[in-house]
Amino acid sequence: MTADTIYALSSGSPPAAIAVVRISGPGADGALRRLAGRLPPPRVATLARLREPDGEPLDSALVLRFPGPASATGEDVTELHLHGGRAVVAGVLDALGRLAGLRPAAPGEFTRRAFENGRLDLAEAEGLADLLAAETRSQKRAALALAGGALSRRIADWQGRILALSARLEATIDFSDEGEVGEGLPQGWATALAAVSHEIAESLERPAAERLRDGVRIVVAGPPNAGKSSLINSLCGRDVAITSPSAGTTRDVLEAPLAMGGRPVLLVDTAGLRESEDPVEQAGVERAGRQMAVADIILWLGLPAECPDAERAILIQAKSDVSEPDPAAELRVSVVTGEGLDALANALSTRAAELLPQEGEVALNARHRSALAEAMEGLSLAGGSGDPLICAEGLRHARHALDRVTGRAGLEDMLDTLFGSFCIGK
């Protein structure tokens, strides 16, 4: 058990209607007894009058006790539900700071203790962090899935199946001389291995979590004075870009985060693409080119035939209120009359949905993908050799790589599976 006891304000900054102060560690019950004068029953919200050690009243609060290990952190936990005024919160935190054995929690320390005590794994902790940062419906749903253990359960399934394959190999290696299992690979072993490899490969091919976190990158591009900044302002519903009848007004990259259909997108305004002797405008054109190169979607407001990347582009005829229809354009749009704006927003929402993880689908971040890629290397090694020793080494590599995702499982699990399935030993 951790030697010290930590405390912190676990709700938003005051003033607020209610403020929650959390205490975790071996001294949690003692701290509550010092402030409330008694200990309420576990998991029962109880009204208590909190006082300073010298008897000065602090607040009338609801208090709860969660004895470990069945608590959020796996330790004894106490929660103080206070009136959310600044003076009340400051007084309670000051009183806790003067109790022996207590100290303020470091950032993320409650979650770290939960991980260290087996109350959640690394992937679930990442999901909790994503949930705190979520700004759109799709971000929230993906974070809830991760925090709720969706990825952890999938990893556990793969680990269990790979452990079973490892156990069968170990039996093959140990008893090959006795003829009990056979000298080659176990029957059906390669098929089972291929099934796991296929599932992991499919997960790696799905959209990444970074795009869900940062937003689908939509770059608005085209020649000067094509209406790019005006279109950005219309899609955002506010003036985020400077507009002017003069060509070349936009010289730098401007980014505007937005939610479309509950999905995160990032609109990027760029300088007009043209030849120029002005070094500042030249720099803006170069930056526009770099933005187009990394765009998920390009809104092209120039002549359709001049679009540099039609595969990722939606061809827009802007200023449709003052121009003749162009049959090559996909959408005609006017920020003056509103023509085509709803259709454009729907098209962007649909295209963004195709690029983002589907609802309820586990979104892998860079750390997850790196670990799964390493696991695939191990499985490929195992599947590409008929030597049981090499296969066993590949599976061991895959198991350790999967372990990096959750921070759980290891050699003991393999040994348990080995001895439990084949009854090796006396």
Foldseek 3Di string as FASTA:
>chain_A
DDQFKAKDFPDDADDDQKTKIKIFDPCAQVLCCQFFVDGDDAPDFDWGFGAANVRHTQFTWTKHWDDACPDQLRHTMMMTIGGRHPSSVVVSVVSQCPDPRYDHDDVCRSVVSSCVNVVFFPQLVVLVVQCVVDDFPQSNLLSCCRVVCVVVVVLVVLLVLLLLLLLQLVCLVVCCVVVPQHVWRHPCSLVSLVVSLVVLVVQLPAFAVVCQNQDQEEEEAAAWQLCRQVLVCLLAVHRQDDDDNDTFPFQAKGWDWDAFPRGIHIYIYAHGDDDDPDPSNVVRNVVSVVSVVPHQAYEYSYDPVPDPDVVRYQDEPEPLVPDDDDVVHPAYAYSVVGGRSVVVSVVVVVSRCRNDDHRPDHHHHPLLSVLSVQLSQLSCQLSVDRRSVSNSRSSQRNSVSSCSSGVDDHDVVSVCSNCVVPVPDD
